[in-house]
Each structure stands twice: as structure tokens, then as C-alpha cells.
């Protein structure tokens, strides 16, 4: 078997295409494979599909996967066809080894996409000997193409959260299917218009905003407004983590203020009050017992926090509401301003907090995805554009079918 035939088989090239020449340069660390087509061959018109002969040719080159350590390029005499049908005209024929408009073969792009999931794009680009902008173009194309085929017709329960895109007040908002555990949509910003953008995108993928029955969010006024306007049938569930976080922040504020008054007494007690009693170390437990003998606001705030956590152990919404009413009365009469502020916030979001006992929705999965996205951003030392960050989010959590060649 001649080398041209061997490389033709390896590349999967079929009639009327064939490898016409192979040139190797050790000095340039480069392998060039020339591809041609048989004389008189016919090709489908890109517009109507009728078979027609070549009108003329254009020489085009594509980067292929390396042959061992050597960069490999395919160069083909690519035909243009002139179809006699009205509206067709002169068109460039699509080649089977590359997509239209790309400077890479399909197999090279498949490799680039596989590596993009495992390492930062700039490191991948260095390994492949390409500029990272060209690799991002590959990622952008396949993410967009895969999303056009995504089906959201069964989406009924939603998780929404934001994560930072750059330093400062720059964010992207992410919308997740809470049943399939996949990222549906990501967009720049964190105001109520992000929900409108999601609703429009949902419709493009066979989804229906009116079929969404539950949405788990934090207490962002923007998200609340967006859900009410764009997803009218969704019952809002406020994520339990954010509810408890409000109380933890209030507890921290109380401890900080009292630490100014009693610095020696409360020195080193920060993590004592952040933990639940069963998670304390022996030393921390002794510290908590010692502090319980003093009439500290921090100690009362800590007990109020534990009582709020206990609400979530209720077996039903009805029993939870009874406990929450008791908790609210205690908190609002506590005479501890940060705690009273949390109590008022919970009163304002009462139904959404209790909705958890029906939906059982939590943004724990969403927060985990945010952690993966931020970890990828740190490894890459940031992304040049928000679009790149969004594409990486889809790679991490979109569960997209990229239909890549193997």
C-alpha cells in the first residue's frame, strides 16, 4: 500500500477525494497532506442538493491533529459548483473533513473541545500551538450549535443564582433545570431582565414559561420581580441556605459589636458561634459553656439561630409554620437589632420560605456549579470576555450533546 493510500484510510477520505501528495519537513516540524478529487467528479449543490460538476477550484488549508510531535495540515483543491437552477449560482462545496468557515479539521476541533473541559483554554492553546482566540472560536461555535438542539420541553422546576464574572460588581446569572441537574441558560447581569431573557430562550428550545411550577432563588428583589412577571405560575422557594446565612451574618454582626466591649472574653470565639453544638471541638465546647454563664447578646442570638435551623426539621409545612411563628415572636422581641432585621426580612418572604416544605428545592447544586465555574476561572486567571465565561459554564454544567466526530 502506498503512503498516500495509507493516509487516505487513516483520514477516512472516500471517493471522489483522495490523498495526492505527502510532504514532510523535519526542519519546520510539519507534515503537509495534499488532497484532490477525481476528474469529472460531481458534488451536491450546497443550495438545492443536485449533483453538478466542478466549475472551478479554490485552494484551502486546515490544521489537523498532530502526527506524533509534528504539526499536520491538510490542503485541498476545493471545488466550487455552478448550479443552473435559479437562486443557486456559484457555491463552494462542503468538504467531509471540516466544517464550513473553519480553519481546522473536525477531528482537531473534537480534540480541542475534549481538552477545553479539562484545562484552561490558554494552556490548551499553548499545547496545541494555536492562539487561544482561535480555540475560543471553536468552543463558541460548538456550544452555540449544541444549544440549538437542546430540548427544554420538560423543564418544570428552576434554580436561579448569580456568580461573579470579574472583580467588582460584574455578574452572570445562571438558570438550572433542578430535575435534570443541567444549566439551561446563562446571561450577563443579575437584574430582573435576566429572567425575561431566560423566558425567551426557553421558548426557543420548546420550553414553556407557564409550565414552570417552582423556582428556587435567593431573596433578590430583582429575581422575585422577574419570576413574577415572566414565569407567572412558578411558586417561589427561598433557598434555606440563604435564610440561615442571613441569621449567621446577623450573629456575626452581634458578636463583632460585643467583642469591642469585651475583647478578652470573646477573643477567639468567632468559629464557636458559627458551628452547631454537635460540630464543636472539645475546646470550642468548653468556650461555649463558659460564655453561656454571661448575659451576652451573642449567646441569645446563637440560640435564636439554632431555633431557626430547627424549623427546617419540621415534617410538614403546617408544623413548620407554627414553629416559624414562635421563632418570629422570639426574634422580633429580642431587642437585638440585627436579629430583628432578619425577623422582618423573613416576615416579608414568609410564603417563599415555607414553600420549601412542599418543593424541597435547594440551591445546593447551583452553588456547587458556581464553585466549579469560579475554580475554572481561577485556573485560567480570569477570562477576557464574559462570553468566554458563559461558554465555560455551559461546558461545565450544560450537559450539551456536541455531536463531535470520534
Protein backbone atom coordinates (compact mmCIF):
# COMPACT_ATOMS: atom_id res chain seq x y z
CA UNK A 1 0.00 0.00 0.00
CA UNK A 2 1.33 3.41 -0.99
CA UNK A 3 1.74 6.13 1.72
CA UNK A 4 -0.98 8.22 0.04
CA UNK A 5 -3.46 5.34 0.27
CA UNK A 6 -2.49 4.67 3.89
CA UNK A 7 -3.01 8.29 4.92
CA UNK A 8 -6.27 8.38 2.97
CA UNK A 9 -7.55 5.45 5.01
CA UNK A 10 -6.34 7.00 8.25
CA UNK A 11 -8.11 10.27 7.44
CA UNK A 12 -11.29 8.47 6.38
CA UNK A 13 -11.25 10.08 2.93
CA UNK A 14 -13.56 8.45 0.37
CA UNK A 15 -14.34 8.89 -3.34
CA UNK A 16 -14.16 11.21 -5.11
CA UNK A 17 -11.49 12.52 -2.74
CA UNK A 18 -8.01 11.04 -2.45
CA UNK A 19 -4.61 11.94 -0.98
CA UNK A 20 -2.45 13.15 -3.84
CA UNK A 21 0.81 14.04 -2.08
CA UNK A 22 2.60 13.94 1.30
CA UNK A 23 5.39 16.36 2.20
CA UNK A 24 7.31 16.20 5.48
CA UNK A 25 9.68 18.88 6.80
CA UNK A 26 11.73 17.93 9.84
CA UNK A 27 13.18 21.44 9.98
CA UNK A 28 9.70 23.01 10.24
CA UNK A 29 8.32 20.10 12.30
CA UNK A 30 5.46 19.94 9.83
CA UNK A 31 3.58 17.35 7.77
CA UNK A 32 1.55 18.52 4.78
CA UNK A 33 -1.05 16.26 3.18
CA UNK A 34 -2.48 17.31 -0.19
CA UNK A 35 -5.97 16.18 -1.16
CA UNK A 36 -7.54 16.24 -4.62
CA UNK A 37 -10.66 14.90 -6.33
CA UNK A 38 -11.10 12.74 -9.41
CA UNK A 39 -11.56 14.38 -12.75
CA UNK A 40 -15.21 14.58 -13.75
CA UNK A 41 -16.43 14.06 -10.16
CA UNK A 42 -19.80 15.51 -9.23
CA UNK A 43 -20.73 17.26 -6.00
CA UNK A 44 -24.06 18.20 -4.40
CA UNK A 45 -25.08 21.82 -4.82
CA UNK A 46 -24.96 23.42 -1.34
CA UNK A 47 -28.33 25.11 -2.05
CA UNK A 48 -30.56 22.52 -3.78
CA UNK A 49 -28.55 19.29 -3.40
CA UNK A 50 -28.44 18.40 -7.11
CA UNK A 51 -25.21 16.77 -8.31
CA UNK A 52 -23.12 19.04 -10.55
CA UNK A 53 -19.53 19.06 -11.81
CA UNK A 54 -16.88 21.48 -10.57
CA UNK A 55 -16.95 24.99 -12.01
CA UNK A 56 -13.52 25.98 -10.66
CA UNK A 57 -11.40 25.35 -7.55
CA UNK A 58 -10.05 27.24 -4.55
CA UNK A 59 -7.05 26.01 -2.55
CA UNK A 60 -7.80 25.80 1.17
CA UNK A 61 -5.75 24.56 4.15
CA UNK A 62 -6.88 23.14 7.51
CA UNK A 63 -4.94 22.38 10.68
CA UNK A 64 -5.25 18.68 11.60
CA UNK A 65 -4.25 16.76 14.73
CA UNK A 66 -0.51 16.34 15.15
CA UNK A 67 1.24 13.37 13.58
CA UNK A 68 3.34 12.36 16.59
CA UNK A 69 5.02 15.67 17.58
CA UNK A 70 4.66 17.22 14.11
CA UNK A 71 2.00 19.73 13.16
CA UNK A 72 -0.15 18.38 10.34
CA UNK A 73 -2.05 20.32 7.71
CA UNK A 74 -4.50 19.24 5.00
CA UNK A 75 -4.55 21.24 1.79
CA UNK A 76 -7.23 20.58 -0.80
CA UNK A 77 -8.16 21.83 -4.23
CA UNK A 78 -11.70 22.64 -3.14
CA UNK A 79 -14.27 22.82 -5.95
CA UNK A 80 -16.89 25.47 -6.50
CA UNK A 81 -20.01 24.40 -8.39
CA UNK A 82 -22.26 26.44 -10.67
CA UNK A 83 -25.76 25.07 -10.41
CA UNK A 84 -28.11 26.05 -13.30
CA UNK A 85 -31.15 26.25 -11.02
CA UNK A 86 -32.47 29.69 -10.17
CA UNK A 87 -31.19 31.01 -6.86
CA UNK A 88 -28.22 28.63 -6.65
CA UNK A 89 -25.37 30.26 -8.54
CA UNK A 90 -21.68 29.58 -7.82
CA UNK A 91 -21.10 27.99 -4.41
CA UNK A 92 -18.14 26.44 -2.58
CA UNK A 93 -18.59 22.72 -1.91
CA UNK A 94 -18.50 21.49 1.70
CA UNK A 95 -15.64 19.07 2.38
CA UNK A 96 -16.26 15.99 4.57
CA UNK A 97 -13.30 16.56 6.92
CA UNK A 98 -14.04 20.16 8.04
CA UNK A 99 -16.99 22.41 8.69
CA UNK A 100 -17.66 25.44 6.54
CA UNK A 101 -15.67 28.51 7.52
CA UNK A 102 -13.28 26.69 9.86
CA UNK A 103 -9.52 26.55 9.55
CA UNK A 104 -9.42 23.23 11.44
CA UNK A 105 -10.46 19.69 10.63
CA UNK A 106 -13.39 18.17 12.51
CA UNK A 107 -11.06 15.80 14.38
CA UNK A 108 -8.84 18.68 15.51
CA UNK A 109 -11.91 20.51 16.78
CA UNK A 110 -13.08 17.38 18.60
CA UNK A 111 -9.70 17.21 20.34
CA UNK A 112 -9.87 20.93 21.19
CA UNK A 113 -13.33 20.51 22.73
CA UNK A 114 -12.21 17.49 24.78
CA UNK A 115 -9.22 19.42 26.16
CA UNK A 116 -11.33 22.52 26.85
CA UNK A 117 -13.21 20.59 29.52
CA UNK A 118 -10.00 19.52 31.26
CA UNK A 119 -7.71 22.56 31.24
CA UNK A 120 -7.72 26.36 30.82
CA UNK A 121 -8.01 27.44 27.19
CA UNK A 122 -4.75 29.42 27.24
CA UNK A 123 -2.85 26.33 28.43
CA UNK A 124 -4.62 24.17 25.85
CA UNK A 125 -3.74 26.66 23.12
CA UNK A 126 -0.07 26.55 24.15
CA UNK A 127 -0.09 22.73 23.98
CA UNK A 128 -1.71 22.78 20.54
CA UNK A 129 0.47 25.59 19.21
CA UNK A 130 -2.50 27.85 18.46
CA UNK A 131 -3.66 31.26 19.64
CA UNK A 132 -6.24 30.97 22.40
CA UNK A 133 -8.66 33.21 20.44
CA UNK A 134 -8.91 30.54 17.74
CA UNK A 135 -9.64 27.85 20.34
CA UNK A 136 -12.34 30.04 21.91
CA UNK A 137 -13.94 30.37 18.47
CA UNK A 138 -14.19 26.56 18.28
CA UNK A 139 -15.73 26.40 21.75
CA UNK A 140 -18.15 29.22 20.93
CA UNK A 141 -19.31 27.51 17.72
CA UNK A 142 -19.94 24.09 19.25
CA UNK A 143 -21.63 25.44 22.38
CA UNK A 144 -23.99 27.57 20.26
CA UNK A 145 -24.62 24.71 17.83
CA UNK A 146 -25.32 22.21 20.62
CA UNK A 147 -27.69 24.61 22.35
CA UNK A 148 -29.80 24.96 19.19
CA UNK A 149 -30.58 21.23 19.53
CA UNK A 150 -31.25 21.29 23.29
CA UNK A 151 -34.82 20.44 24.28
CA UNK A 152 -36.33 22.19 27.33
CA UNK A 153 -39.91 20.98 26.84
CA UNK A 154 -39.91 19.02 30.14
CA UNK A 155 -38.48 21.79 32.34
CA UNK A 156 -40.80 22.50 35.28
CA UNK A 157 -38.57 23.28 38.28
CA UNK A 158 -35.98 26.03 38.15
CA UNK A 159 -32.94 27.08 40.17
CA UNK A 160 -31.56 30.60 39.72
CA UNK A 161 -28.40 32.20 41.09
CA UNK A 162 -25.69 34.64 40.10
CA UNK A 163 -21.91 34.33 40.20
CA UNK A 164 -19.21 36.93 39.66
CA UNK A 165 -17.68 37.32 36.22
CA UNK A 166 -14.99 39.88 37.08
CA UNK A 167 -13.78 41.85 40.06
CA UNK A 168 -16.24 44.45 41.18
CA UNK A 169 -19.97 44.32 40.60
CA UNK A 170 -19.90 42.19 37.46
CA UNK A 171 -22.08 39.08 37.40
CA UNK A 172 -23.66 36.43 35.24
CA UNK A 173 -26.99 34.82 36.14
CA UNK A 174 -27.46 31.08 35.65
CA UNK A 175 -30.75 29.21 35.23
CA UNK A 176 -30.77 25.49 36.00
CA UNK A 177 -33.15 22.59 35.44
CA UNK A 178 -33.38 21.28 39.00
CA UNK A 179 -34.67 17.84 37.96
CA UNK A 180 -32.11 17.10 35.23
CA UNK A 181 -29.34 18.98 37.07
CA UNK A 182 -28.20 20.90 33.99
CA UNK A 183 -27.50 24.51 33.12
CA UNK A 184 -30.22 25.79 30.80
CA UNK A 185 -29.21 29.39 30.24
CA UNK A 186 -26.58 31.90 31.33
CA UNK A 187 -26.57 35.62 30.69
CA UNK A 188 -24.72 38.76 31.77
CA UNK A 189 -26.12 40.78 34.69
CA UNK A 190 -28.30 39.95 37.69
CA UNK A 191 -31.36 42.19 37.35
CA UNK A 192 -34.95 41.21 36.52
CA UNK A 193 -34.30 41.43 32.76
CA UNK A 194 -32.17 38.27 33.02
CA UNK A 195 -35.37 36.32 33.77
CA UNK A 196 -37.02 37.80 30.67
CA UNK A 197 -34.02 36.74 28.58
CA UNK A 198 -34.29 33.23 30.03
CA UNK A 199 -38.03 33.01 29.27
CA UNK A 200 -37.38 33.99 25.65
CA UNK A 201 -34.56 31.45 25.34
CA UNK A 202 -36.74 28.76 26.93
CA UNK A 203 -39.37 29.24 24.20
CA UNK A 204 -36.70 28.82 21.51
CA UNK A 205 -35.97 25.34 22.93
CA UNK A 206 -39.56 24.04 23.03
CA UNK A 207 -39.98 25.14 26.64
CA UNK A 208 -42.94 26.97 28.11
CA UNK A 209 -42.55 29.50 30.97
CA UNK A 210 -46.12 28.72 32.07
CA UNK A 211 -45.20 25.07 32.68
CA UNK A 212 -42.62 26.01 35.32
CA UNK A 213 -44.23 25.36 38.70
CA UNK A 214 -41.34 26.06 41.10
CA UNK A 215 -38.35 28.40 41.17
CA UNK A 216 -35.67 28.31 43.84
CA UNK A 217 -33.91 31.65 44.31
CA UNK A 218 -32.24 33.77 46.95
CA UNK A 219 -34.10 36.83 48.29
CA UNK A 220 -33.01 39.09 45.44
CA UNK A 221 -35.75 41.61 44.68
CA UNK A 222 -34.72 41.54 41.02
CA UNK A 223 -35.20 37.78 40.75
CA UNK A 224 -38.52 37.95 42.62
CA UNK A 225 -39.78 40.62 40.23
CA UNK A 226 -38.53 38.75 37.16
CA UNK A 227 -40.14 35.46 38.21
CA UNK A 228 -43.50 37.12 38.92
CA UNK A 229 -43.53 38.89 35.55
CA UNK A 230 -42.10 36.23 33.25
CA UNK A 231 -42.85 32.89 34.96
CA UNK A 232 -46.27 33.58 36.48
CA UNK A 233 -47.16 30.01 37.54
CA UNK A 234 -43.95 29.36 39.47
CA UNK A 235 -44.16 29.21 43.25
CA UNK A 236 -41.02 30.85 44.60
CA UNK A 237 -38.93 28.86 47.08
CA UNK A 238 -36.30 30.76 49.01
CA UNK A 239 -33.21 28.63 49.39
CA UNK A 240 -32.79 27.50 53.04
CA UNK A 241 -29.04 28.12 52.84
CA UNK A 242 -29.61 31.83 52.19
CA UNK A 243 -32.16 32.07 55.01
CA UNK A 244 -29.71 30.59 57.53
CA UNK A 245 -26.92 32.70 56.05
CA UNK A 246 -28.91 35.85 56.89
CA UNK A 247 -29.06 34.72 60.51
CA UNK A 248 -25.36 33.80 60.56
CA UNK A 249 -24.49 37.26 59.23
CA UNK A 250 -26.64 38.87 61.95
CA UNK A 251 -24.99 36.67 64.59
CA UNK A 252 -21.57 37.71 63.30
CA UNK A 253 -22.52 41.37 63.50
CA UNK A 254 -23.71 40.99 67.11
CA UNK A 255 -20.53 39.17 68.14
CA UNK A 256 -18.35 41.81 66.45
CA UNK A 257 -20.08 44.62 68.37
CA UNK A 258 -19.82 42.81 71.73
CA UNK A 259 -16.20 41.88 71.05
CA UNK A 260 -15.42 45.62 71.13
CA UNK A 261 -16.93 45.80 74.61
CA UNK A 262 -15.49 42.53 75.94
CA UNK A 263 -12.40 41.81 73.81
CA UNK A 264 -10.77 39.35 76.21
CA UNK A 265 -13.98 37.42 76.87
CA UNK A 266 -14.94 36.93 73.21
CA UNK A 267 -11.42 36.57 71.82
CA UNK A 268 -11.22 33.52 69.51
CA UNK A 269 -14.96 32.80 69.72
CA UNK A 270 -15.89 33.52 66.10
CA UNK A 271 -15.99 29.88 64.91
CA UNK A 272 -17.64 28.75 68.15
CA UNK A 273 -20.81 30.63 67.18
CA UNK A 274 -20.66 29.67 63.51
CA UNK A 275 -20.81 25.93 64.29
CA UNK A 276 -23.69 23.84 65.56
CA UNK A 277 -23.14 22.35 69.05
CA UNK A 278 -22.63 18.81 67.73
CA UNK A 279 -19.78 20.01 65.48
CA UNK A 280 -17.77 21.84 68.13
CA UNK A 281 -14.34 20.63 69.15
CA UNK A 282 -13.78 19.88 72.82
CA UNK A 283 -12.04 23.23 73.32
CA UNK A 284 -14.79 25.12 71.48
CA UNK A 285 -17.45 23.35 73.54
CA UNK A 286 -15.76 24.48 76.76
CA UNK A 287 -15.63 28.04 75.42
CA UNK A 288 -19.36 27.96 74.62
CA UNK A 289 -20.20 26.63 78.09
CA UNK A 290 -18.08 29.36 79.71
CA UNK A 291 -19.72 32.11 77.63
CA UNK A 292 -23.20 30.79 78.44
CA UNK A 293 -22.71 32.00 82.05
CA UNK A 294 -22.67 35.62 80.84
CA UNK A 295 -25.71 37.58 79.74
CA UNK A 296 -24.37 38.18 76.24
CA UNK A 297 -26.48 39.23 73.26
CA UNK A 298 -24.26 36.95 71.17
CA UNK A 299 -25.35 33.95 73.21
CA UNK A 300 -29.04 34.80 72.76
CA UNK A 301 -28.54 35.40 69.03
CA UNK A 302 -26.83 32.00 68.80
CA UNK A 303 -29.84 30.27 70.41
CA UNK A 304 -32.19 32.12 68.03
CA UNK A 305 -30.12 30.91 65.08
CA UNK A 306 -30.33 27.29 66.27
CA UNK A 307 -34.10 27.65 66.68
CA UNK A 308 -34.40 28.90 63.09
CA UNK A 309 -32.44 25.87 61.88
CA UNK A 310 -34.80 23.60 63.81
CA UNK A 311 -37.73 24.92 61.76
CA UNK A 312 -36.34 23.06 58.73
CA UNK A 313 -36.59 19.72 60.55
CA UNK A 314 -40.38 20.01 60.68
CA UNK A 315 -42.19 17.10 58.99
CA UNK A 316 -44.77 19.32 57.28
CA UNK A 317 -45.41 22.88 56.13
CA UNK A 318 -48.17 23.29 58.71
CA UNK A 319 -45.91 22.36 61.63
CA UNK A 320 -43.07 24.44 60.20
CA UNK A 321 -45.29 27.50 60.04
CA UNK A 322 -46.26 27.06 63.70
CA UNK A 323 -42.59 26.84 64.70
CA UNK A 324 -41.67 29.79 62.49
CA UNK A 325 -44.38 31.92 64.09
CA UNK A 326 -42.93 31.13 67.51
CA UNK A 327 -39.43 31.88 66.27
CA UNK A 328 -40.55 35.19 64.75
CA UNK A 329 -42.12 36.30 68.03
CA UNK A 330 -38.91 35.49 69.92
CA UNK A 331 -36.65 37.19 67.35
CA UNK A 332 -38.72 40.37 66.96
CA UNK A 333 -38.84 40.86 70.76
CA UNK A 334 -35.15 40.04 71.26
CA UNK A 335 -34.07 43.72 71.38
CA UNK A 336 -31.09 42.71 69.22
CA UNK A 337 -31.24 44.95 66.13
CA UNK A 338 -29.51 42.64 63.59
CA UNK A 339 -31.74 39.74 64.69
CA UNK A 340 -34.87 41.91 64.50
CA UNK A 341 -33.86 42.91 60.97
CA UNK A 342 -33.62 39.23 59.94
CA UNK A 343 -37.03 38.59 61.53
CA UNK A 344 -38.57 41.39 59.45
CA UNK A 345 -36.94 40.04 56.28
CA UNK A 346 -38.33 36.56 56.97
CA UNK A 347 -41.78 38.05 57.58
CA UNK A 348 -41.60 39.76 54.16
CA UNK A 349 -40.65 36.47 52.47
CA UNK A 350 -42.86 34.21 54.58
CA UNK A 351 -44.59 32.17 51.85
CA UNK A 352 -41.40 31.62 49.86
CA UNK A 353 -39.60 30.32 52.95
CA UNK A 354 -42.43 27.91 53.79
CA UNK A 355 -42.67 26.80 50.13
CA UNK A 356 -39.54 24.73 50.73
CA UNK A 357 -41.61 22.21 52.72
CA UNK A 358 -43.57 21.46 49.53
CA UNK A 359 -40.93 21.80 46.81
CA UNK A 360 -37.86 20.66 48.81
CA UNK A 361 -35.83 22.75 46.38
CA UNK A 362 -32.42 23.94 47.48
CA UNK A 363 -29.72 25.77 45.59
CA UNK A 364 -27.02 23.45 46.94
CA UNK A 365 -26.47 22.01 43.45
CA UNK A 366 -26.46 25.50 41.95
CA UNK A 367 -23.89 26.71 44.48
CA UNK A 368 -21.73 23.67 43.70
CA UNK A 369 -21.78 24.57 39.99
CA UNK A 370 -20.87 28.16 40.87
CA UNK A 371 -17.89 26.77 42.77
CA UNK A 372 -16.76 24.79 39.72
CA UNK A 373 -17.11 27.84 37.49
CA UNK A 374 -15.12 30.02 39.87
CA UNK A 375 -12.44 27.32 40.17
CA UNK A 376 -12.14 27.20 36.37
CA UNK A 377 -11.91 30.99 36.29
CA UNK A 378 -9.12 30.98 38.89
CA UNK A 379 -7.17 28.31 36.99
CA UNK A 380 -7.44 30.42 33.84
CA UNK A 381 -6.58 33.58 35.84
CA UNK A 382 -9.78 35.15 34.56
CA UNK A 383 -11.42 35.30 31.15
CA UNK A 384 -11.01 38.04 28.59
CA UNK A 385 -14.74 38.30 27.95
CA UNK A 386 -17.96 37.44 29.76
CA UNK A 387 -18.96 35.38 26.72
CA UNK A 388 -15.97 33.10 27.34
CA UNK A 389 -17.02 32.61 30.96
CA UNK A 390 -20.58 31.75 29.88
CA UNK A 391 -19.29 29.24 27.33
CA UNK A 392 -17.16 27.62 30.04
CA UNK A 393 -20.24 27.44 32.28
CA UNK A 394 -22.07 25.53 29.53
CA UNK A 395 -19.08 23.17 29.16
CA UNK A 396 -19.08 22.51 32.90
CA UNK A 397 -22.81 22.16 33.60
CA UNK A 398 -24.82 22.31 30.36
CA UNK A 399 -24.81 18.56 29.62
CA UNK A 400 -24.80 19.50 25.94
CA UNK A 401 -24.53 16.97 23.10
CA UNK A 402 -21.79 18.39 20.89
CA UNK A 403 -22.13 15.60 18.26
CA UNK A 404 -18.37 15.58 17.72
CA UNK A 405 -16.63 13.03 15.48
CA UNK A 406 -14.61 10.28 17.13
